[in-house]
Amino acid sequence: MKTRQMHTRFTAFLIFGIGMCLVYLNGCSNVKDLPPDVKSDLPDSIIKVFDRAFPTAEDAVFKKLEFEKEKFYEVNFKVGQDRFYSVLNTSTILKSFRLLDEAPDSLRKKVAELPPPGGVMTDFRIPSYASQDTLMVSRYKLDGKDYTVSWRWAAGASVRLDMAFQFKLHYQLNAGDVNRLPDWILAYLQQNNLTFYQAWVYVKDDNTARYDFHAQSGNSLYFFSFDTDGTLEYTTFPVATNYQSLAQMPVEIQNYVKNSPVLSTRGFFSAASKYERDGKTAYSLDMAIQPSREADLSGFYRIIFDQNGGFKWFFCLAFNP
């Protein structure tokens, strides 16, 4: 029971909510300005779903989004003076964001405290559905690579800041959706006698997808995180090589911590592991970050490194305002 509770809590920090904003349609379709290669085969069901959700939308431009076994449509459009980006299938809106030109100074200040500093934020967006807390998402370019930074806050509650792999779409699959998983994941589950429980799919700009999922073995629920190329980046399943100190890790990772003003001065080693699968290797490093008078960055961080000890991404399990 303790294992299941721990992983349920862990998962809660990684999930973005899926928005549903359906409004009764009265009148003709507002879909217009479609590229010729899309307009000819845009299903009526897609138009109906879109019109129900956004009956006053203008200048809607659709684009097919296909990968693995999935088929969706992306759409950029306007409602009044606001710009939106949504992803939908033939039955529902999967995600919908309002696009912004700028981010609040408070977010810029907190992002400046990230362990890998010096990046540039662009493409700001917030979910267009109602929520008890607020989420802002931004692209973050650092050393020529794109990441996704998300900042969630609520009145009287802790703030959470995540810096992860770049993605434009994130959605959930449940146990009944197991056949929507890629064949290589299905094979991995079968080889390890695992029963699929739930997954979160992250679609990148190039329409490749990475998968985070829970699977059960016996009475235990385990977490797995796979990159787009099938690299196992993190798991609670007992297949990893564990380290007892930072000194046992590759020197490149040790130097990364030493060269980080945040990690080197306020970071404390918690756990670390090495993951190997099909000739691919990745490392994870867990560190606790203590607050300081000058900065309020604190919490529990997991940093993912590639096989050469290079930084890949990280997320924060707690972030205090």
C-alpha atoms as a PDB file:
ATOM      1  CA  MET A   1       0.000   0.000   0.000  1.00  0.00           C
ATOM      2  CA  LYS A   2       2.863   2.392   0.827  1.00  0.00           C
ATOM      3  CA  THR A   3       4.404   1.808  -2.624  1.00  0.00           C
ATOM      4  CA  ARG A   4       1.134   2.571  -4.388  1.00  0.00           C
ATOM      5  CA  GLN A   5       0.578   5.764  -2.343  1.00  0.00           C
ATOM      6  CA  MET A   6       4.118   6.957  -3.044  1.00  0.00           C
ATOM      7  CA  HIS A   7       3.796   6.488  -6.785  1.00  0.00           C
ATOM      8  CA  THR A   8       0.315   8.016  -6.840  1.00  0.00           C
ATOM      9  CA  ARG A   9       1.758  11.135  -5.198  1.00  0.00           C
ATOM     10  CA  PHE A  10       4.742  11.080  -7.536  1.00  0.00           C
ATOM     11  CA  THR A  11       2.432  10.858 -10.553  1.00  0.00           C
ATOM     12  CA  ALA A  12       0.277  13.737  -9.388  1.00  0.00           C
ATOM     13  CA  PHE A  13       3.225  16.118  -9.785  1.00  0.00           C
ATOM     14  CA  LEU A  14       3.729  15.082 -13.391  1.00  0.00           C
ATOM     15  CA  ILE A  15       0.151  15.297 -14.689  1.00  0.00           C
ATOM     16  CA  PHE A  16      -1.295  18.218 -16.523  1.00  0.00           C
ATOM     17  CA  GLY A  17      -5.139  18.264 -16.483  1.00  0.00           C
ATOM     18  CA  ILE A  18      -7.073  17.628 -19.727  1.00  0.00           C
ATOM     19  CA  GLY A  19      -9.439  20.483 -20.616  1.00  0.00           C
ATOM     20  CA  MET A  20     -13.021  20.059 -21.777  1.00  0.00           C
ATOM     21  CA  CYS A  21     -14.921  23.172 -22.844  1.00  0.00           C
ATOM     22  CA  LEU A  22     -17.976  22.070 -24.830  1.00  0.00           C
ATOM     23  CA  VAL A  23     -20.574  24.658 -25.782  1.00  0.00           C
ATOM     24  CA  TYR A  24     -23.842  23.964 -27.559  1.00  0.00           C
ATOM     25  CA  LEU A  25     -23.550  24.697 -31.280  1.00  0.00           C
ATOM     26  CA  ASN A  26     -26.222  26.860 -32.857  1.00  0.00           C
ATOM     27  CA  GLY A  27     -25.604  27.793 -36.452  1.00  0.00           C
ATOM     28  CA  CYS A  28     -23.272  26.798 -39.256  1.00  0.00           C
ATOM     29  CA  SER A  29     -19.626  25.737 -39.011  1.00  0.00           C
ATOM     30  CA  ASN A  30     -17.035  28.432 -38.297  1.00  0.00           C
ATOM     31  CA  VAL A  31     -14.124  26.420 -39.730  1.00  0.00           C
ATOM     32  CA  LYS A  32     -12.440  28.405 -42.468  1.00  0.00           C
ATOM     33  CA  ASP A  33      -9.103  29.196 -44.091  1.00  0.00           C
ATOM     34  CA  LEU A  34      -8.024  25.558 -44.197  1.00  0.00           C
ATOM     35  CA  PRO A  35      -4.963  24.528 -46.227  1.00  0.00           C
ATOM     36  CA  PRO A  36      -6.047  22.674 -49.392  1.00  0.00           C
ATOM     37  CA  ASP A  37      -4.396  19.394 -48.314  1.00  0.00           C
ATOM     38  CA  VAL A  38      -6.416  19.351 -45.088  1.00  0.00           C
ATOM     39  CA  LYS A  39      -9.736  20.870 -46.105  1.00  0.00           C
ATOM     40  CA  SER A  40     -10.495  18.099 -48.579  1.00  0.00           C
ATOM     41  CA  ASP A  41     -10.357  15.316 -45.992  1.00  0.00           C
ATOM     42  CA  LEU A  42     -11.186  17.033 -42.690  1.00  0.00           C
ATOM     43  CA  PRO A  43     -13.776  14.712 -41.081  1.00  0.00           C
ATOM     44  CA  ASP A  44     -17.191  16.147 -40.256  1.00  0.00           C
ATOM     45  CA  SER A  45     -16.776  14.786 -36.723  1.00  0.00           C
ATOM     46  CA  ILE A  46     -13.697  16.974 -36.212  1.00  0.00           C
ATOM     47  CA  ILE A  47     -15.594  20.065 -37.351  1.00  0.00           C
ATOM     48  CA  LYS A  48     -18.500  19.246 -35.019  1.00  0.00           C
ATOM     49  CA  VAL A  49     -16.232  18.743 -31.997  1.00  0.00           C
ATOM     50  CA  PHE A  50     -14.433  21.995 -32.718  1.00  0.00           C
ATOM     51  CA  ASP A  51     -17.624  24.006 -33.281  1.00  0.00           C
ATOM     52  CA  ARG A  52     -19.191  22.737 -30.069  1.00  0.00           C
ATOM     53  CA  ALA A  53     -16.126  23.745 -28.069  1.00  0.00           C
ATOM     54  CA  PHE A  54     -15.432  27.090 -29.773  1.00  0.00           C
ATOM     55  CA  PRO A  55     -18.617  28.381 -31.463  1.00  0.00           C
ATOM     56  CA  THR A  56     -17.182  31.894 -31.933  1.00  0.00           C
ATOM     57  CA  ALA A  57     -13.763  30.835 -33.259  1.00  0.00           C
ATOM     58  CA  GLU A  58     -12.322  32.574 -36.307  1.00  0.00           C
ATOM     59  CA  ASP A  59      -9.425  31.934 -38.712  1.00  0.00           C
ATOM     60  CA  ALA A  60      -9.149  28.245 -37.779  1.00  0.00           C
ATOM     61  CA  VAL A  61      -6.255  26.451 -39.479  1.00  0.00           C
ATOM     62  CA  PHE A  62      -6.065  22.673 -39.026  1.00  0.00           C
ATOM     63  CA  LYS A  63      -3.148  20.284 -39.390  1.00  0.00           C
ATOM     64  CA  LYS A  64      -2.987  16.504 -39.114  1.00  0.00           C
ATOM     65  CA  LEU A  65      -1.038  15.076 -36.189  1.00  0.00           C
ATOM     66  CA  GLU A  66      -0.173  11.395 -36.628  1.00  0.00           C
ATOM     67  CA  PHE A  67       2.327   9.191 -34.763  1.00  0.00           C
ATOM     68  CA  GLU A  68       2.503   5.555 -33.688  1.00  0.00           C
ATOM     69  CA  LYS A  69      -1.144   4.371 -33.590  1.00  0.00           C
ATOM     70  CA  GLU A  70      -2.637   7.803 -32.943  1.00  0.00           C
ATOM     71  CA  LYS A  71      -4.374  10.310 -35.221  1.00  0.00           C
ATOM     72  CA  PHE A  72      -5.321  13.791 -34.041  1.00  0.00           C
ATOM     73  CA  TYR A  73      -5.740  17.273 -35.468  1.00  0.00           C
ATOM     74  CA  GLU A  74      -3.998  20.440 -34.346  1.00  0.00           C
ATOM     75  CA  VAL A  75      -5.774  23.747 -34.849  1.00  0.00           C
ATOM     76  CA  ASN A  76      -4.702  27.368 -34.407  1.00  0.00           C
ATOM     77  CA  PHE A  77      -7.494  29.931 -34.212  1.00  0.00           C
ATOM     78  CA  LYS A  78      -8.728  33.184 -32.671  1.00  0.00           C
ATOM     79  CA  VAL A  79     -11.585  34.046 -30.334  1.00  0.00           C
ATOM     80  CA  GLY A  80     -11.922  37.797 -30.284  1.00  0.00           C
ATOM     81  CA  GLN A  81      -8.423  39.186 -29.832  1.00  0.00           C
ATOM     82  CA  ASP A  82      -7.068  36.026 -28.179  1.00  0.00           C
ATOM     83  CA  ARG A  83      -5.090  33.316 -30.002  1.00  0.00           C
ATOM     84  CA  PHE A  84      -5.510  29.627 -29.181  1.00  0.00           C
ATOM     85  CA  TYR A  85      -3.911  26.272 -29.921  1.00  0.00           C
ATOM     86  CA  SER A  86      -5.941  23.081 -29.498  1.00  0.00           C
ATOM     87  CA  VAL A  87      -5.604  19.382 -30.214  1.00  0.00           C
ATOM     88  CA  LEU A  88      -8.678  17.235 -30.821  1.00  0.00           C
ATOM     89  CA  ASN A  89      -9.849  13.899 -32.109  1.00  0.00           C
ATOM     90  CA  THR A  90     -13.208  12.818 -33.483  1.00  0.00           C
ATOM     91  CA  SER A  91     -14.829  12.791 -30.040  1.00  0.00           C
ATOM     92  CA  THR A  92     -13.276  15.467 -27.833  1.00  0.00           C
ATOM     93  CA  ILE A  93     -10.840  18.324 -27.275  1.00  0.00           C
ATOM     94  CA  LEU A  94      -7.660  16.803 -25.820  1.00  0.00           C
ATOM     95  CA  LYS A  95      -5.845  20.028 -25.010  1.00  0.00           C
ATOM     96  CA  SER A  96      -6.490  23.710 -25.463  1.00  0.00           C
ATOM     97  CA  PHE A  97      -4.182  26.638 -24.683  1.00  0.00           C
ATOM     98  CA  ARG A  98      -4.491  30.391 -24.913  1.00  0.00           C
ATOM     99  CA  LEU A  99      -1.296  31.797 -26.436  1.00  0.00           C
ATOM    100  CA  LEU A 100       0.429  34.768 -24.794  1.00  0.00           C
ATOM    101  CA  ASP A 101       3.069  37.215 -25.938  1.00  0.00           C
ATOM    102  CA  GLU A 102       4.777  37.643 -22.571  1.00  0.00           C
ATOM    103  CA  ALA A 103       5.183  35.967 -19.190  1.00  0.00           C
ATOM    104  CA  PRO A 104       4.871  37.666 -15.775  1.00  0.00           C
ATOM    105  CA  ASP A 105       8.073  38.907 -14.170  1.00  0.00           C
ATOM    106  CA  SER A 106       7.503  36.516 -11.264  1.00  0.00           C
ATOM    107  CA  LEU A 107       7.861  33.555 -13.609  1.00  0.00           C
ATOM    108  CA  ARG A 108      10.996  34.961 -15.225  1.00  0.00           C
ATOM    109  CA  LYS A 109      12.554  35.419 -11.793  1.00  0.00           C
ATOM    110  CA  LYS A 110      11.918  31.827 -10.783  1.00  0.00           C
ATOM    111  CA  VAL A 111      13.099  30.409 -14.110  1.00  0.00           C
ATOM    112  CA  ALA A 112      16.333  32.372 -13.687  1.00  0.00           C
ATOM    113  CA  GLU A 113      17.004  30.168 -10.629  1.00  0.00           C
ATOM    114  CA  LEU A 114      16.890  26.926 -12.613  1.00  0.00           C
ATOM    115  CA  PRO A 115      19.928  24.656 -12.109  1.00  0.00           C
ATOM    116  CA  PRO A 116      20.886  25.064 -15.816  1.00  0.00           C
ATOM    117  CA  PRO A 117      20.704  28.899 -16.131  1.00  0.00           C
ATOM    118  CA  GLY A 118      20.969  31.093 -19.200  1.00  0.00           C
ATOM    119  CA  GLY A 119      18.042  29.873 -21.288  1.00  0.00           C
ATOM    120  CA  VAL A 120      15.539  31.978 -23.242  1.00  0.00           C
ATOM    121  CA  MET A 121      11.777  31.680 -22.732  1.00  0.00           C
ATOM    122  CA  THR A 122       9.350  31.932 -25.673  1.00  0.00           C
ATOM    123  CA  ASP A 123       5.895  30.700 -26.751  1.00  0.00           C
ATOM    124  CA  PHE A 124       3.961  31.321 -23.542  1.00  0.00           C
ATOM    125  CA  ARG A 125       0.590  29.632 -23.081  1.00  0.00           C
ATOM    126  CA  ILE A 126      -1.972  28.863 -20.406  1.00  0.00           C
ATOM    127  CA  PRO A 127      -4.800  26.293 -20.468  1.00  0.00           C
ATOM    128  CA  SER A 128      -8.082  27.710 -21.717  1.00  0.00           C
ATOM    129  CA  TYR A 129     -10.151  25.584 -19.333  1.00  0.00           C
ATOM    130  CA  ALA A 130     -11.186  26.514 -15.792  1.00  0.00           C
ATOM    131  CA  SER A 131      -9.012  25.230 -12.949  1.00  0.00           C
ATOM    132  CA  GLN A 132      -8.544  25.773  -9.233  1.00  0.00           C
ATOM    133  CA  ASP A 133      -4.922  26.596  -9.818  1.00  0.00           C
ATOM    134  CA  THR A 134      -3.083  28.272 -12.658  1.00  0.00           C
ATOM    135  CA  LEU A 135      -0.645  26.743 -15.106  1.00  0.00           C
ATOM    136  CA  MET A 136       1.638  28.560 -17.505  1.00  0.00           C
ATOM    137  CA  VAL A 137       3.771  26.718 -20.049  1.00  0.00           C
ATOM    138  CA  SER A 138       6.704  28.086 -22.004  1.00  0.00           C
ATOM    139  CA  ARG A 139       9.332  26.883 -24.431  1.00  0.00           C
ATOM    140  CA  TYR A 140      12.813  27.220 -22.940  1.00  0.00           C
ATOM    141  CA  LYS A 141      15.829  27.205 -25.262  1.00  0.00           C
ATOM    142  CA  LEU A 142      19.156  26.371 -23.640  1.00  0.00           C
ATOM    143  CA  ASP A 143      22.430  25.567 -25.416  1.00  0.00           C
ATOM    144  CA  GLY A 144      20.631  25.071 -28.706  1.00  0.00           C
ATOM    145  CA  LYS A 145      18.085  22.604 -27.289  1.00  0.00           C
ATOM    146  CA  ASP A 146      14.382  23.107 -26.598  1.00  0.00           C
ATOM    147  CA  TYR A 147      12.742  22.274 -23.278  1.00  0.00           C
ATOM    148  CA  THR A 148       9.320  22.874 -21.759  1.00  0.00           C
ATOM    149  CA  VAL A 149       9.015  24.908 -18.568  1.00  0.00           C
ATOM    150  CA  SER A 150       5.733  24.802 -16.659  1.00  0.00           C
ATOM    151  CA  TRP A 151       4.831  26.909 -13.659  1.00  0.00           C
ATOM    152  CA  ARG A 152       1.792  26.072 -11.525  1.00  0.00           C
ATOM    153  CA  TRP A 153       0.528  28.176  -8.675  1.00  0.00           C
ATOM    154  CA  ALA A 154      -2.572  28.579  -6.499  1.00  0.00           C
ATOM    155  CA  ALA A 155      -3.620  31.057  -3.829  1.00  0.00           C
ATOM    156  CA  GLY A 156      -2.234  29.978  -0.478  1.00  0.00           C
ATOM    157  CA  ALA A 157      -0.535  26.906  -1.926  1.00  0.00           C
ATOM    158  CA  SER A 158       2.984  25.962  -2.963  1.00  0.00           C
ATOM    159  CA  VAL A 159       4.227  26.753  -6.430  1.00  0.00           C
ATOM    160  CA  ARG A 160       5.688  24.048  -8.655  1.00  0.00           C
ATOM    161  CA  LEU A 161       8.204  24.637 -11.408  1.00  0.00           C
ATOM    162  CA  ASP A 162       9.081  21.906 -13.918  1.00  0.00           C
ATOM    163  CA  MET A 163      11.666  21.919 -16.679  1.00  0.00           C
ATOM    164  CA  ALA A 164      11.246  18.895 -18.891  1.00  0.00           C
ATOM    165  CA  PHE A 165      11.753  17.625 -22.403  1.00  0.00           C
ATOM    166  CA  GLN A 166      10.101  19.721 -25.104  1.00  0.00           C
ATOM    167  CA  PHE A 167       6.531  18.736 -25.913  1.00  0.00           C
ATOM    168  CA  LYS A 168       3.509  20.388 -27.529  1.00  0.00           C
ATOM    169  CA  LEU A 169       0.859  17.898 -26.421  1.00  0.00           C
ATOM    170  CA  HIS A 170       0.390  15.797 -23.317  1.00  0.00           C
ATOM    171  CA  TYR A 171      -2.483  13.393 -22.672  1.00  0.00           C
ATOM    172  CA  GLN A 172      -3.395  10.355 -20.624  1.00  0.00           C
ATOM    173  CA  LEU A 173      -4.104   6.711 -21.484  1.00  0.00           C
ATOM    174  CA  ASN A 174      -5.893   4.377 -19.103  1.00  0.00           C
ATOM    175  CA  ALA A 175      -5.892   0.588 -18.747  1.00  0.00           C
ATOM    176  CA  GLY A 176      -8.542   0.171 -21.440  1.00  0.00           C
ATOM    177  CA  ASP A 177      -6.329   2.053 -23.914  1.00  0.00           C
ATOM    178  CA  VAL A 178      -3.467  -0.456 -23.720  1.00  0.00           C
ATOM    179  CA  ASN A 179      -3.642  -1.289 -27.437  1.00  0.00           C
ATOM    180  CA  ARG A 180      -2.927   2.355 -28.268  1.00  0.00           C
ATOM    181  CA  LEU A 181       0.578   1.933 -26.856  1.00  0.00           C
ATOM    182  CA  PRO A 182       3.454   1.339 -29.304  1.00  0.00           C
ATOM    183  CA  ASP A 183       4.254  -2.290 -30.026  1.00  0.00           C
ATOM    184  CA  TRP A 184       7.697  -1.992 -28.413  1.00  0.00           C
ATOM    185  CA  ILE A 185       6.118  -0.974 -25.097  1.00  0.00           C
ATOM    186  CA  LEU A 186       3.636  -3.825 -25.323  1.00  0.00           C
ATOM    187  CA  ALA A 187       6.558  -6.181 -25.907  1.00  0.00           C
ATOM    188  CA  TYR A 188       8.439  -4.700 -22.912  1.00  0.00           C
ATOM    189  CA  LEU A 189       5.406  -5.234 -20.686  1.00  0.00           C
ATOM    190  CA  GLN A 190       5.072  -8.831 -21.829  1.00  0.00           C
ATOM    191  CA  GLN A 191       8.788  -9.606 -21.420  1.00  0.00           C
ATOM    192  CA  ASN A 192       8.716  -8.364 -17.825  1.00  0.00           C
ATOM    193  CA  ASN A 193       5.322  -9.847 -16.891  1.00  0.00           C
ATOM    194  CA  LEU A 194       3.887  -6.395 -16.273  1.00  0.00           C
ATOM    195  CA  THR A 195       0.230  -5.339 -16.434  1.00  0.00           C
ATOM    196  CA  PHE A 196      -0.364  -1.893 -17.891  1.00  0.00           C
ATOM    197  CA  TYR A 197      -2.168   0.522 -15.581  1.00  0.00           C
ATOM    198  CA  GLN A 198      -1.905   4.103 -16.887  1.00  0.00           C
ATOM    199  CA  ALA A 199       0.285   6.231 -19.174  1.00  0.00           C
ATOM    200  CA  TRP A 200       1.054   9.840 -20.049  1.00  0.00           C
ATOM    201  CA  VAL A 201       2.058  10.559 -23.619  1.00  0.00           C
ATOM    202  CA  TYR A 202       4.208  13.575 -24.551  1.00  0.00           C
ATOM    203  CA  VAL A 203       4.244  14.551 -28.236  1.00  0.00           C
ATOM    204  CA  LYS A 204       7.174  16.644 -29.480  1.00  0.00           C
ATOM    205  CA  ASP A 205       7.363  19.146 -32.338  1.00  0.00           C
ATOM    206  CA  ASP A 206       8.581  16.461 -34.733  1.00  0.00           C
ATOM    207  CA  ASN A 207       5.522  14.306 -33.892  1.00  0.00           C
ATOM    208  CA  THR A 208       7.534  11.715 -32.012  1.00  0.00           C
ATOM    209  CA  ALA A 209       6.276  10.667 -28.599  1.00  0.00           C
ATOM    210  CA  ARG A 210       7.758   9.684 -25.260  1.00  0.00           C
ATOM    211  CA  TYR A 211       5.883   7.641 -22.682  1.00  0.00           C
ATOM    212  CA  ASP A 212       5.656   7.720 -18.901  1.00  0.00           C
ATOM    213  CA  PHE A 213       3.542   4.934 -17.477  1.00  0.00           C
ATOM    214  CA  HIS A 214       2.626   2.838 -14.478  1.00  0.00           C
ATOM    215  CA  ALA A 215       2.533  -0.947 -14.691  1.00  0.00           C
ATOM    216  CA  GLN A 216       1.821  -3.574 -12.074  1.00  0.00           C
ATOM    217  CA  SER A 217       3.776  -6.655 -11.062  1.00  0.00           C
ATOM    218  CA  GLY A 218       2.204  -8.688  -8.285  1.00  0.00           C
ATOM    219  CA  ASN A 219       0.911  -6.253  -5.674  1.00  0.00           C
ATOM    220  CA  SER A 220       3.372  -3.476  -6.578  1.00  0.00           C
ATOM    221  CA  LEU A 221       2.884  -0.587  -8.962  1.00  0.00           C
ATOM    222  CA  TYR A 222       5.999   0.635 -10.799  1.00  0.00           C
ATOM    223  CA  PHE A 223       6.765   3.794 -12.773  1.00  0.00           C
ATOM    224  CA  PHE A 224       8.616   3.872 -16.109  1.00  0.00           C
ATOM    225  CA  SER A 225       9.840   6.811 -18.208  1.00  0.00           C
ATOM    226  CA  PHE A 226      10.933   6.165 -21.804  1.00  0.00           C
ATOM    227  CA  ASP A 227      12.344   8.683 -24.278  1.00  0.00           C
ATOM    228  CA  THR A 228      11.245   8.790 -27.926  1.00  0.00           C
ATOM    229  CA  ASP A 229      14.030   6.404 -28.986  1.00  0.00           C
ATOM    230  CA  GLY A 230      13.128   3.834 -26.335  1.00  0.00           C
ATOM    231  CA  THR A 231      15.795   4.884 -23.831  1.00  0.00           C
ATOM    232  CA  LEU A 232      14.737   4.003 -20.296  1.00  0.00           C
ATOM    233  CA  GLU A 233      15.404   7.230 -18.368  1.00  0.00           C
ATOM    234  CA  TYR A 234      13.866   6.387 -15.019  1.00  0.00           C
ATOM    235  CA  THR A 235      12.001   3.555 -13.318  1.00  0.00           C
ATOM    236  CA  THR A 236      11.121   2.270  -9.868  1.00  0.00           C
ATOM    237  CA  PHE A 237      11.194  -1.273 -11.261  1.00  0.00           C
ATOM    238  CA  PRO A 238      14.211  -3.178  -9.811  1.00  0.00           C
ATOM    239  CA  VAL A 239      16.381  -3.140 -12.935  1.00  0.00           C
ATOM    240  CA  ALA A 240      18.660  -0.185 -12.168  1.00  0.00           C
ATOM    241  CA  THR A 241      22.202   0.140 -10.846  1.00  0.00           C
ATOM    242  CA  ASN A 242      21.972   2.346  -7.762  1.00  0.00           C
ATOM    243  CA  TYR A 243      24.594   4.768  -6.438  1.00  0.00           C
ATOM    244  CA  GLN A 244      25.121   5.630  -2.776  1.00  0.00           C
ATOM    245  CA  SER A 245      26.844   8.973  -3.374  1.00  0.00           C
ATOM    246  CA  LEU A 246      27.538  11.554  -6.054  1.00  0.00           C
ATOM    247  CA  ALA A 247      31.198  10.476  -6.083  1.00  0.00           C
ATOM    248  CA  GLN A 248      30.206   7.100  -7.539  1.00  0.00           C
ATOM    249  CA  MET A 249      28.588   8.688 -10.589  1.00  0.00           C
ATOM    250  CA  PRO A 250      30.364   9.585 -13.860  1.00  0.00           C
ATOM    251  CA  VAL A 251      32.702  12.548 -13.548  1.00  0.00           C
ATOM    252  CA  GLU A 252      30.639  14.529 -16.070  1.00  0.00           C
ATOM    253  CA  ILE A 253      27.653  14.433 -13.708  1.00  0.00           C
ATOM    254  CA  GLN A 254      29.823  15.353 -10.729  1.00  0.00           C
ATOM    255  CA  ASN A 255      31.150  18.350 -12.665  1.00  0.00           C
ATOM    256  CA  TYR A 256      27.635  19.372 -13.661  1.00  0.00           C
ATOM    257  CA  VAL A 257      26.678  19.591  -9.988  1.00  0.00           C
ATOM    258  CA  LYS A 258      29.902  21.401  -9.044  1.00  0.00           C
ATOM    259  CA  ASN A 259      29.381  23.981 -11.808  1.00  0.00           C
ATOM    260  CA  SER A 260      25.768  24.693 -10.842  1.00  0.00           C
ATOM    261  CA  PRO A 261      25.434  27.618  -8.376  1.00  0.00           C
ATOM    262  CA  VAL A 262      22.193  26.139  -7.057  1.00  0.00           C
ATOM    263  CA  LEU A 263      23.145  22.471  -6.815  1.00  0.00           C
ATOM    264  CA  SER A 264      26.677  23.028  -5.526  1.00  0.00           C
ATOM    265  CA  THR A 265      25.697  25.378  -2.691  1.00  0.00           C
ATOM    266  CA  ARG A 266      22.197  24.274  -1.687  1.00  0.00           C
ATOM    267  CA  GLY A 267      21.848  20.784  -3.121  1.00  0.00           C
ATOM    268  CA  PHE A 268      22.066  17.582  -1.075  1.00  0.00           C
ATOM    269  CA  PHE A 269      22.444  14.117  -2.591  1.00  0.00           C
ATOM    270  CA  SER A 270      19.418  11.891  -2.081  1.00  0.00           C
ATOM    271  CA  ALA A 271      19.590   9.014  -4.589  1.00  0.00           C
ATOM    272  CA  ALA A 272      20.962   8.146  -8.025  1.00  0.00           C
ATOM    273  CA  SER A 273      20.654   5.346 -10.555  1.00  0.00           C
ATOM    274  CA  LYS A 274      21.884   4.090 -13.910  1.00  0.00           C
ATOM    275  CA  TYR A 275      19.509   2.521 -16.438  1.00  0.00           C
ATOM    276  CA  GLU A 276      20.548   0.306 -19.339  1.00  0.00           C
ATOM    277  CA  ARG A 277      18.330  -1.201 -22.040  1.00  0.00           C
ATOM    278  CA  ASP A 278      19.045  -2.339 -25.604  1.00  0.00           C
ATOM    279  CA  GLY A 279      22.451  -0.645 -25.640  1.00  0.00           C
ATOM    280  CA  LYS A 280      21.076   2.701 -24.392  1.00  0.00           C
ATOM    281  CA  THR A 281      22.030   4.233 -21.047  1.00  0.00           C
ATOM    282  CA  ALA A 282      20.660   7.039 -18.882  1.00  0.00           C
ATOM    283  CA  TYR A 283      21.215   8.331 -15.348  1.00  0.00           C
ATOM    284  CA  SER A 284      18.957   9.920 -12.746  1.00  0.00           C
ATOM    285  CA  LEU A 285      20.066  12.055  -9.807  1.00  0.00           C
ATOM    286  CA  ASP A 286      17.760  13.045  -6.943  1.00  0.00           C
ATOM    287  CA  MET A 287      18.726  16.087  -4.887  1.00  0.00           C
ATOM    288  CA  ALA A 288      17.080  18.119  -2.157  1.00  0.00           C
ATOM    289  CA  ILE A 289      17.429  21.894  -2.662  1.00  0.00           C
ATOM    290  CA  GLN A 290      17.427  24.099   0.421  1.00  0.00           C
ATOM    291  CA  PRO A 291      16.111  27.691   0.224  1.00  0.00           C
ATOM    292  CA  SER A 292      18.321  30.718   0.722  1.00  0.00           C
ATOM    293  CA  ARG A 293      17.770  34.356   1.606  1.00  0.00           C
ATOM    294  CA  GLU A 294      18.510  35.458  -1.932  1.00  0.00           C
ATOM    295  CA  ALA A 295      16.368  32.860  -3.735  1.00  0.00           C
ATOM    296  CA  ASP A 296      13.258  30.844  -2.968  1.00  0.00           C
ATOM    297  CA  LEU A 297      14.088  27.830  -5.129  1.00  0.00           C
ATOM    298  CA  SER A 298      13.665  24.767  -2.947  1.00  0.00           C
ATOM    299  CA  GLY A 299      12.221  21.306  -3.014  1.00  0.00           C
ATOM    300  CA  PHE A 300      13.086  17.855  -4.327  1.00  0.00           C
ATOM    301  CA  TYR A 301      14.645  17.607  -7.783  1.00  0.00           C
ATOM    302  CA  ARG A 302      15.224  14.705 -10.154  1.00  0.00           C
ATOM    303  CA  ILE A 303      17.727  15.407 -12.927  1.00  0.00           C
ATOM    304  CA  ILE A 304      18.066  13.112 -15.947  1.00  0.00           C
ATOM    305  CA  PHE A 305      21.387  12.719 -17.793  1.00  0.00           C
ATOM    306  CA  ASP A 306      22.224  10.964 -21.062  1.00  0.00           C
ATOM    307  CA  GLN A 307      24.751   8.147 -21.492  1.00  0.00           C
ATOM    308  CA  ASN A 308      27.599  10.678 -21.677  1.00  0.00           C
ATOM    309  CA  GLY A 309      26.573  12.450 -18.482  1.00  0.00           C
ATOM    310  CA  GLY A 310      25.015  15.367 -20.374  1.00  0.00           C
ATOM    311  CA  PHE A 311      21.974  17.146 -18.950  1.00  0.00           C
ATOM    312  CA  LYS A 312      18.655  16.056 -20.495  1.00  0.00           C
ATOM    313  CA  TRP A 313      15.885  17.467 -18.271  1.00  0.00           C
ATOM    314  CA  PHE A 314      14.670  17.741 -14.697  1.00  0.00           C
ATOM    315  CA  PHE A 315      11.497  18.178 -12.714  1.00  0.00           C
ATOM    316  CA  CYS A 316      10.753  19.541  -9.278  1.00  0.00           C
ATOM    317  CA  LEU A 317       8.496  17.727  -6.817  1.00  0.00           C
ATOM    318  CA  ALA A 318       8.076  20.782  -4.612  1.00  0.00           C
ATOM    319  CA  PHE A 319       8.585  24.475  -5.087  1.00  0.00           C
ATOM    320  CA  ASN A 320       7.823  26.986  -2.368  1.00  0.00           C
ATOM    321  CA  PRO A 321       6.588  30.511  -3.124  1.00  0.00           C
END
